[in-house]
Amino acid sequence: MFEGLDDINWNGLRDAYGAAGKTPERIRSLVSDDLIAAKKALDELFFTIIHQGAIYPAAEAAAPFLGETLEIASPEILPGVLSLLAAMSRGRGFFDSAQHLPILGGPIRESLADPDAEIEEERDLVRDTARAVFAEWDRVTLLLDHPEATVRAAALYLLVTLGRNDLGSTSGPDDPEPYLGVRPRGSSRGSWAALALAAVEAALERNADVAEYAGALSAFLPLGRADHPALALDRTDDAPAIVRYVALEAAVARAGGFGAPLSDHLAGPIGRLIAERDQIDDILRSPIWRWGGDARRMTLDMATGLSDAAIDRIADELAPVLQPGEWQLYCMSTILRLALGARTPRIPDDPCQLSTGRRRLVLAITEKPKATERPLDWLFHPDNWTAQGRLKQLGLSGDATVWRVWMNAA
């Protein structure tokens, strides 16, 4: 095992912190009988050969040896190694991503001697690392029958991630996602995605628990199969909440994505999921679930496509979910879209034409938090500079009282 690992000049390769000389030791530790040491090595690999999504040269060199660990690593470590490989297959170049940042992008490019050449070198590294992960496909496939559900789910996630790469369109110079459209040389577009799709369909046939089954359903979405019959809403009416959640995600995708107009008949299912969000979150946070997500944020995003009449029907379910919290800053566009609909009124200058349900939501977001809650989490707190700045930018008053007077004056 690990033949050739010590033949690589690791000190001549970079990771996020400089020379990658400790990488081989960390790879060996992944298969150690000492579980604490193995977990420590895995954590260190996650922030060295790849760091916050950025790929470093040591990652490509490490990929085949990480693939070898899949044969003997413990069930506690395997999901992490598979997740690491998935992250490596969709990494980005540090400078390639940074050049697109507002304000900082220009100075970052200017700091490079030859920005175009250096960024293209990064992009080549990202592509080569993705292909190095593709080379471990057969080893990953064997883990689809592993006795541990967490390992099976992580293996399926990696295959689907690679399948999504295969389906993607090759990115241009202004797109910091050069892994899109990457597949092993000599193979045709869609061939690996077809293999991943077959793996997903096989996973659905397994007599699995609801979390693993719903995870397999969710895997259809990144493969462009939101139209798969298993995701039909009329087949999931009586299913557990997490299955209906995935089916509604698929329905939104079929309609054109978050914010696209939805049929009013989806209001009831969305309102039902909002009431069940804690139950859904229990699965989204479980080690079996690989697809991320937050039930509150996702269901609110789903609701942004509903008409005024549909919002009126579920306003009582929506309003309590909009209470102040740190999450609001990350969902500010969603919150304003729910409260104001597709309109862009200037408040208080334009007349209020909100429906009954949207008025109910405005009351919810403008209600001052109790003293025991964190006041700065409120969008209308005068010291919440981020929210206040965004409201001003949109032509909206940052004063909750002004909103309420504007609404009641109509």
Protein backbone atom coordinates (compact mmCIF):
# COMPACT_ATOMS: atom_id res chain seq x y z
CA MET A 1 0.00 0.00 0.00
CA PHE A 2 1.04 3.59 -0.72
CA GLU A 3 3.72 2.49 -3.16
CA GLY A 4 5.50 5.56 -4.47
CA LEU A 5 4.20 7.85 -1.73
CA ASP A 6 7.70 8.62 -0.50
CA ASP A 7 9.06 9.05 -4.02
CA ILE A 8 7.19 12.34 -4.40
CA ASN A 9 9.00 15.51 -3.43
CA TRP A 10 6.25 16.73 -1.12
CA ASN A 11 8.35 19.61 0.16
CA GLY A 12 8.46 20.80 -3.43
CA LEU A 13 4.65 20.89 -3.57
CA ARG A 14 2.51 23.53 -1.91
CA ASP A 15 -0.47 23.28 0.32
CA ALA A 16 -2.42 26.16 1.86
CA TYR A 17 0.34 26.86 4.38
CA GLY A 18 3.50 26.34 2.34
CA ALA A 19 5.50 23.17 1.74
CA ALA A 20 3.34 20.02 1.80
CA GLY A 21 5.91 17.86 3.55
CA LYS A 22 3.46 16.53 6.16
CA THR A 23 0.97 15.25 3.60
CA PRO A 24 2.28 11.65 3.34
CA GLU A 25 2.26 11.28 7.13
CA ARG A 26 -1.34 12.46 7.22
CA ILE A 27 -2.37 10.06 4.46
CA ARG A 28 -0.85 7.12 6.32
CA SER A 29 -2.59 8.19 9.51
CA LEU A 30 -5.97 7.80 7.81
CA VAL A 31 -5.62 4.01 8.03
CA SER A 32 -4.19 4.01 11.54
CA ASP A 33 -5.76 1.91 14.29
CA ASP A 34 -5.67 5.09 16.35
CA LEU A 35 -9.03 6.64 15.46
CA ILE A 36 -8.19 9.96 17.12
CA ALA A 37 -5.01 10.25 15.04
CA ALA A 38 -6.92 9.30 11.88
CA LYS A 39 -9.58 11.96 12.48
CA LYS A 40 -6.90 14.56 13.20
CA ALA A 41 -5.12 13.70 9.94
CA LEU A 42 -8.39 13.95 8.01
CA ASP A 43 -9.12 17.37 9.48
CA GLU A 44 -5.61 18.55 8.61
CA LEU A 45 -5.92 17.35 5.02
CA PHE A 46 -9.20 19.23 4.73
CA PHE A 47 -7.54 22.58 5.46
CA THR A 48 -4.15 22.04 3.82
CA ILE A 49 -4.32 20.32 0.42
CA ILE A 50 -7.69 22.03 -0.02
CA HIS A 51 -8.67 25.08 1.99
CA GLN A 52 -12.02 26.87 1.86
CA GLY A 53 -12.58 25.41 -1.59
CA ALA A 54 -9.18 26.39 -3.00
CA ILE A 55 -7.08 23.59 -4.51
CA TYR A 56 -3.34 23.37 -3.94
CA PRO A 57 -0.74 21.31 -5.88
CA ALA A 58 -0.48 18.70 -3.12
CA ALA A 59 -4.12 17.74 -3.73
CA GLU A 60 -3.56 16.26 -7.18
CA ALA A 61 -0.57 14.27 -5.94
CA ALA A 62 -2.52 13.01 -2.90
CA ALA A 63 -5.60 11.81 -4.82
CA PRO A 64 -4.40 8.28 -5.78
CA PHE A 65 -3.19 7.58 -2.27
CA LEU A 66 -6.46 8.81 -0.77
CA GLY A 67 -8.11 6.38 -3.17
CA GLU A 68 -6.05 3.55 -1.69
CA THR A 69 -7.28 4.40 1.81
CA LEU A 70 -10.83 3.64 0.64
CA GLU A 71 -9.91 -0.05 0.65
CA ILE A 72 -8.95 -0.32 4.33
CA ALA A 73 -9.91 2.82 6.26
CA SER A 74 -12.39 2.37 9.09
CA PRO A 75 -16.12 3.12 8.64
CA GLU A 76 -15.65 6.15 10.90
CA ILE A 77 -13.06 7.63 8.50
CA LEU A 78 -14.36 6.55 5.11
CA PRO A 79 -17.19 9.14 4.83
CA GLY A 80 -14.68 11.91 5.53
CA VAL A 81 -12.22 10.68 2.92
CA LEU A 82 -15.02 10.44 0.37
CA SER A 83 -16.14 13.97 1.24
CA LEU A 84 -12.56 15.19 0.89
CA LEU A 85 -12.33 13.65 -2.58
CA ALA A 86 -15.67 15.22 -3.54
CA ALA A 87 -14.40 18.64 -2.42
CA MET A 88 -11.20 18.10 -4.39
CA SER A 89 -13.19 17.30 -7.53
CA ARG A 90 -14.98 20.65 -7.35
CA GLY A 91 -12.25 22.91 -6.04
CA ARG A 92 -11.22 26.29 -7.36
CA GLY A 93 -8.04 28.26 -7.77
CA PHE A 94 -7.40 30.75 -4.99
CA PHE A 95 -6.54 33.65 -7.29
CA ASP A 96 -9.09 32.56 -9.90
CA SER A 97 -11.88 32.94 -7.31
CA ALA A 98 -10.41 35.99 -5.59
CA GLN A 99 -10.14 38.03 -8.79
CA HIS A 100 -13.95 38.14 -8.95
CA LEU A 101 -14.35 39.67 -5.49
CA PRO A 102 -15.76 43.20 -5.41
CA ILE A 103 -13.18 45.84 -4.49
CA LEU A 104 -10.43 43.27 -3.80
CA GLY A 105 -10.41 41.63 -7.24
CA GLY A 106 -8.39 44.36 -8.97
CA PRO A 107 -5.60 44.58 -6.37
CA ILE A 108 -5.36 40.78 -6.24
CA ARG A 109 -4.77 40.57 -9.99
CA GLU A 110 -2.25 43.39 -9.79
CA SER A 111 -0.30 41.45 -7.15
CA LEU A 112 0.50 38.72 -9.70
CA ALA A 113 3.45 39.05 -12.08
CA ASP A 114 1.51 37.52 -14.96
CA PRO A 115 -2.11 37.20 -13.78
CA ASP A 116 -3.54 35.49 -16.87
CA ALA A 117 -0.80 32.87 -16.98
CA GLU A 118 -0.86 32.19 -13.23
CA ILE A 119 -4.63 31.93 -13.09
CA GLU A 120 -4.69 29.58 -16.07
CA GLU A 121 -2.09 27.44 -14.29
CA GLU A 122 -4.45 27.28 -11.32
CA ARG A 123 -7.31 26.25 -13.57
CA ASP A 124 -5.21 23.47 -15.08
CA LEU A 125 -4.45 22.23 -11.57
CA VAL A 126 -8.15 22.21 -10.67
CA ARG A 127 -8.98 20.20 -13.81
CA ASP A 128 -6.14 17.74 -13.27
CA THR A 129 -7.16 17.23 -9.64
CA ALA A 130 -10.74 16.51 -10.70
CA ARG A 131 -9.48 13.93 -13.21
CA ALA A 132 -7.30 12.38 -10.49
CA VAL A 133 -10.45 11.89 -8.41
CA PHE A 134 -12.27 10.40 -11.41
CA ALA A 135 -9.51 7.78 -11.53
CA GLU A 136 -10.78 6.40 -8.20
CA TRP A 137 -14.28 5.74 -9.58
CA ASP A 138 -14.09 1.93 -9.33
CA ARG A 139 -12.93 2.01 -5.72
CA VAL A 140 -15.75 4.37 -4.83
CA THR A 141 -18.32 2.19 -6.59
CA LEU A 142 -17.39 -0.77 -4.42
CA LEU A 143 -18.42 1.24 -1.35
CA LEU A 144 -22.01 1.54 -2.57
CA ASP A 145 -22.57 -1.88 -0.98
CA HIS A 146 -20.77 -1.08 2.27
CA PRO A 147 -22.66 -2.25 5.39
CA GLU A 148 -22.64 1.28 6.88
CA ALA A 149 -25.25 3.69 5.52
CA THR A 150 -22.99 6.70 6.13
CA VAL A 151 -20.34 5.19 3.86
CA ARG A 152 -22.85 4.27 1.15
CA ALA A 153 -24.31 7.78 1.19
CA ALA A 154 -20.89 9.44 0.99
CA ALA A 155 -19.86 7.17 -1.89
CA LEU A 156 -23.02 7.97 -3.82
CA TYR A 157 -22.49 11.68 -3.19
CA LEU A 158 -18.98 11.50 -4.66
CA LEU A 159 -20.14 9.66 -7.78
CA VAL A 160 -22.96 12.15 -8.31
CA THR A 161 -20.55 15.05 -7.82
CA LEU A 162 -18.30 13.63 -10.53
CA GLY A 163 -21.35 13.01 -12.72
CA ARG A 164 -22.34 16.65 -12.33
CA ASN A 165 -18.85 17.70 -13.39
CA ASP A 166 -19.22 15.50 -16.46
CA LEU A 167 -22.57 17.07 -17.39
CA GLY A 168 -21.39 20.65 -16.93
CA SER A 169 -20.42 22.95 -19.74
CA THR A 170 -16.76 23.90 -19.99
CA SER A 171 -16.31 27.17 -18.16
CA GLY A 172 -14.91 30.33 -19.68
CA PRO A 173 -12.19 32.64 -18.35
CA ASP A 174 -14.70 34.62 -16.28
CA ASP A 175 -16.12 31.54 -14.56
CA PRO A 176 -14.11 30.36 -11.53
CA GLU A 177 -15.48 26.80 -11.85
CA PRO A 178 -13.04 25.13 -14.25
CA TYR A 179 -14.04 21.65 -13.08
CA LEU A 180 -17.30 21.97 -15.03
CA GLY A 181 -17.20 19.88 -18.17
CA VAL A 182 -14.20 17.91 -16.87
CA ARG A 183 -14.12 14.13 -17.29
CA PRO A 184 -11.41 11.56 -18.00
CA ARG A 185 -9.75 12.24 -21.33
CA GLY A 186 -11.19 10.23 -24.20
CA SER A 187 -14.64 9.82 -22.63
CA SER A 188 -17.80 11.41 -23.98
CA ARG A 189 -19.94 14.00 -22.23
CA GLY A 190 -22.66 12.39 -20.15
CA SER A 191 -21.12 8.92 -19.98
CA TRP A 192 -20.05 9.28 -16.34
CA ALA A 193 -23.29 11.01 -15.39
CA ALA A 194 -25.16 8.01 -16.80
CA LEU A 195 -23.15 5.70 -14.54
CA ALA A 196 -23.89 7.94 -11.56
CA LEU A 197 -27.59 7.95 -12.44
CA ALA A 198 -27.60 4.15 -12.53
CA ALA A 199 -26.02 4.14 -9.07
CA VAL A 200 -28.73 6.48 -7.78
CA GLU A 201 -31.52 4.29 -9.16
CA ALA A 202 -29.91 1.21 -7.60
CA ALA A 203 -29.74 3.04 -4.26
CA LEU A 204 -33.50 3.68 -4.43
CA GLU A 205 -34.09 -0.06 -4.69
CA ARG A 206 -32.17 -0.72 -1.50
CA ASN A 207 -34.28 -1.42 1.56
CA ALA A 208 -32.88 1.69 3.24
CA ASP A 209 -34.12 3.94 6.01
CA VAL A 210 -35.92 7.14 5.09
CA ALA A 211 -32.83 9.39 5.31
CA GLU A 212 -30.82 7.27 2.90
CA TYR A 213 -33.78 6.89 0.55
CA ALA A 214 -34.46 10.65 0.51
CA GLY A 215 -30.76 11.29 -0.04
CA ALA A 216 -30.85 9.06 -3.11
CA LEU A 217 -33.89 10.99 -4.36
CA SER A 218 -32.03 14.26 -3.84
CA ALA A 219 -29.16 12.93 -5.94
CA PHE A 220 -31.33 13.17 -9.06
CA LEU A 221 -31.31 16.98 -8.89
CA PRO A 222 -27.60 17.69 -9.55
CA LEU A 223 -27.76 15.14 -12.37
CA GLY A 224 -30.44 17.19 -14.10
CA ARG A 225 -33.23 14.69 -13.43
CA ALA A 226 -35.74 16.73 -11.46
CA ASP A 227 -38.26 15.11 -13.81
CA HIS A 228 -37.57 11.57 -12.58
CA PRO A 229 -40.85 9.72 -11.89
CA ALA A 230 -39.78 8.98 -8.31
CA LEU A 231 -39.96 12.74 -7.64
CA ALA A 232 -43.54 13.19 -8.82
CA LEU A 233 -45.58 15.01 -6.19
CA ASP A 234 -48.57 12.70 -6.53
CA ARG A 235 -46.33 9.78 -5.55
CA THR A 236 -45.16 11.43 -2.34
CA ASP A 237 -48.37 12.79 -0.78
CA ASP A 238 -48.27 10.28 2.06
CA ALA A 239 -44.49 10.04 2.30
CA PRO A 240 -42.38 11.19 5.27
CA ALA A 241 -41.64 14.92 5.46
CA ILE A 242 -38.07 14.64 4.16
CA VAL A 243 -39.27 12.81 1.02
CA ARG A 244 -41.93 15.46 0.36
CA TYR A 245 -39.26 18.12 0.93
CA VAL A 246 -37.06 16.65 -1.83
CA ALA A 247 -40.05 16.22 -4.15
CA LEU A 248 -40.94 19.90 -3.68
CA GLU A 249 -37.35 20.90 -4.39
CA ALA A 250 -37.70 19.00 -7.66
CA ALA A 251 -41.02 20.71 -8.43
CA VAL A 252 -39.40 24.11 -7.91
CA ALA A 253 -36.50 23.09 -10.16
CA ARG A 254 -38.93 21.99 -12.87
CA ALA A 255 -40.67 25.37 -12.62
CA GLY A 256 -37.41 27.22 -13.20
CA GLY A 257 -35.81 27.47 -9.77
CA PHE A 258 -36.32 29.57 -6.65
CA GLY A 259 -38.34 32.70 -7.35
CA ALA A 260 -39.86 31.37 -10.57
CA PRO A 261 -43.69 31.42 -10.59
CA LEU A 262 -45.22 28.36 -8.93
CA SER A 263 -48.69 26.91 -9.23
CA ASP A 264 -50.98 27.92 -6.36
CA HIS A 265 -51.65 24.27 -5.56
CA LEU A 266 -48.10 24.06 -4.12
CA ALA A 267 -48.97 26.48 -1.31
CA GLY A 268 -50.49 23.73 0.84
CA PRO A 269 -47.51 21.33 0.55
CA ILE A 270 -45.05 24.18 1.23
CA GLY A 271 -47.03 25.35 4.26
CA ARG A 272 -47.09 21.78 5.55
CA LEU A 273 -43.31 21.51 5.23
CA ILE A 274 -42.80 24.81 7.05
CA ALA A 275 -44.68 23.34 10.00
CA GLU A 276 -42.51 20.22 9.82
CA ARG A 277 -39.17 22.02 9.45
CA ASP A 278 -37.71 20.78 12.74
CA GLN A 279 -38.42 17.18 11.77
CA ILE A 280 -36.79 17.76 8.38
CA ASP A 281 -33.76 19.45 9.92
CA ASP A 282 -33.15 16.39 12.11
CA ILE A 283 -32.41 14.45 8.92
CA LEU A 284 -30.59 17.26 7.14
CA ARG A 285 -28.15 17.34 10.06
CA SER A 286 -27.72 13.59 10.27
CA PRO A 287 -24.42 11.99 9.17
CA ILE A 288 -26.23 10.11 6.40
CA TRP A 289 -27.39 13.29 4.65
CA ARG A 290 -24.76 14.65 2.24
CA TRP A 291 -26.70 17.34 0.37
CA GLY A 292 -26.66 20.24 2.82
CA GLY A 293 -29.65 22.47 3.29
CA ASP A 294 -31.63 24.16 6.02
CA ALA A 295 -35.35 23.44 6.18
CA ARG A 296 -36.39 26.94 7.20
CA ARG A 297 -34.35 28.69 4.52
CA MET A 298 -35.22 26.20 1.79
CA THR A 299 -38.96 26.22 2.42
CA LEU A 300 -38.97 30.02 2.52
CA ASP A 301 -37.05 30.06 -0.76
CA MET A 302 -39.66 27.72 -2.21
CA ALA A 303 -42.44 30.07 -1.13
CA THR A 304 -40.95 33.05 -3.00
CA GLY A 305 -42.47 31.73 -6.21
CA LEU A 306 -46.04 31.74 -4.88
CA SER A 307 -48.68 34.26 -5.93
CA ASP A 308 -50.35 36.75 -3.58
CA ALA A 309 -53.38 34.47 -3.29
CA ALA A 310 -51.18 31.50 -2.35
CA ILE A 311 -49.24 33.56 0.21
CA ASP A 312 -52.55 34.64 1.73
CA ARG A 313 -53.35 30.95 2.32
CA ILE A 314 -50.15 30.15 4.21
CA ALA A 315 -49.25 33.49 5.80
CA ASP A 316 -50.04 32.16 9.28
CA GLU A 317 -47.49 29.36 8.77
CA LEU A 318 -44.89 31.73 7.28
CA ALA A 319 -45.11 34.62 9.75
CA PRO A 320 -43.67 32.85 12.85
CA VAL A 321 -40.71 31.60 10.80
CA LEU A 322 -39.70 35.17 9.93
CA GLN A 323 -38.90 36.11 13.52
CA PRO A 324 -35.55 37.90 14.01
CA GLY A 325 -32.39 35.82 14.16
CA GLU A 326 -28.85 35.78 12.84
CA TRP A 327 -30.07 33.78 9.84
CA GLN A 328 -32.02 36.80 8.55
CA LEU A 329 -28.96 38.54 7.13
CA TYR A 330 -28.26 35.52 4.94
CA CYS A 331 -31.87 35.35 3.75
CA MET A 332 -32.64 39.04 3.45
CA SER A 333 -33.55 38.89 -0.25
CA THR A 334 -35.88 35.96 0.44
CA ILE A 335 -37.55 37.73 3.36
CA LEU A 336 -38.16 40.90 1.35
CA ARG A 337 -39.46 38.91 -1.62
CA LEU A 338 -41.94 37.10 0.62
CA ALA A 339 -43.12 40.32 2.28
CA LEU A 340 -43.30 42.49 -0.84
CA GLY A 341 -43.76 39.96 -3.62
CA ALA A 342 -42.33 40.74 -7.04
CA ARG A 343 -43.03 44.44 -6.48
CA THR A 344 -40.26 46.89 -5.82
CA PRO A 345 -42.07 49.69 -3.95
CA ARG A 346 -40.08 52.53 -2.48
CA ILE A 347 -41.13 52.76 1.16
CA PRO A 348 -42.78 55.05 2.18
CA ASP A 349 -42.97 56.97 -1.12
CA ASP A 350 -45.02 54.48 -3.16
CA PRO A 351 -48.56 53.46 -2.19
CA CYS A 352 -48.94 50.12 -0.42
CA GLN A 353 -50.64 47.52 -2.59
CA LEU A 354 -49.82 44.43 -0.54
CA SER A 355 -52.24 41.55 -0.22
CA THR A 356 -53.60 40.51 3.17
CA GLY A 357 -51.08 37.70 3.56
CA ARG A 358 -48.09 39.85 2.66
CA ARG A 359 -49.24 42.51 5.13
CA ARG A 360 -49.21 39.78 7.76
CA LEU A 361 -45.58 39.04 6.84
CA VAL A 362 -44.61 42.72 7.00
CA LEU A 363 -46.03 42.84 10.53
CA ALA A 364 -43.89 39.81 11.43
CA ILE A 365 -40.59 41.20 10.13
CA THR A 366 -41.15 44.70 11.55
CA GLU A 367 -42.09 43.50 15.03
CA LYS A 368 -39.42 44.62 17.48
CA PRO A 369 -37.68 41.67 19.19
CA LYS A 370 -38.12 41.10 22.88
CA ALA A 371 -35.39 42.49 25.11
CA THR A 372 -34.15 38.96 25.87
CA GLU A 373 -33.43 38.30 22.17
CA ARG A 374 -30.35 39.49 20.31
CA PRO A 375 -31.45 42.94 19.11
CA LEU A 376 -28.77 43.32 16.44
CA ASP A 377 -30.19 40.31 14.59
CA TRP A 378 -33.24 42.42 13.71
CA LEU A 379 -33.15 43.83 10.19
CA PHE A 380 -34.54 47.14 11.43
CA HIS A 381 -32.13 47.72 14.31
CA PRO A 382 -30.34 51.01 13.58
CA ASP A 383 -26.97 49.44 14.42
CA ASN A 384 -27.45 46.50 12.05
CA TRP A 385 -25.42 48.34 9.44
CA THR A 386 -25.42 45.55 6.88
CA ALA A 387 -29.20 45.28 6.81
CA GLN A 388 -29.71 49.05 7.01
CA GLY A 389 -27.35 49.61 4.10
CA ARG A 390 -29.11 47.00 1.99
CA LEU A 391 -32.56 48.46 2.74
CA LYS A 392 -31.37 51.94 1.78
CA GLN A 393 -29.87 50.57 -1.43
CA LEU A 394 -33.26 49.11 -2.35
CA GLY A 395 -35.12 52.35 -1.63
CA LEU A 396 -36.69 50.93 1.53
CA SER A 397 -36.85 52.68 4.88
CA GLY A 398 -34.79 51.11 7.64
CA ASP A 399 -37.34 52.22 10.24
CA ALA A 400 -39.90 49.55 11.15
CA THR A 401 -42.40 52.19 12.28
CA VAL A 402 -42.29 53.81 8.85
CA TRP A 403 -43.12 50.46 7.25
CA ARG A 404 -46.13 49.98 9.53
CA VAL A 405 -47.44 53.50 8.97
CA TRP A 406 -46.97 53.06 5.19
CA MET A 407 -48.92 49.80 5.24
CA ASN A 408 -51.76 51.05 7.43
CA ALA A 409 -52.16 54.22 5.39
CA ALA A 410 -53.27 52.22 2.36
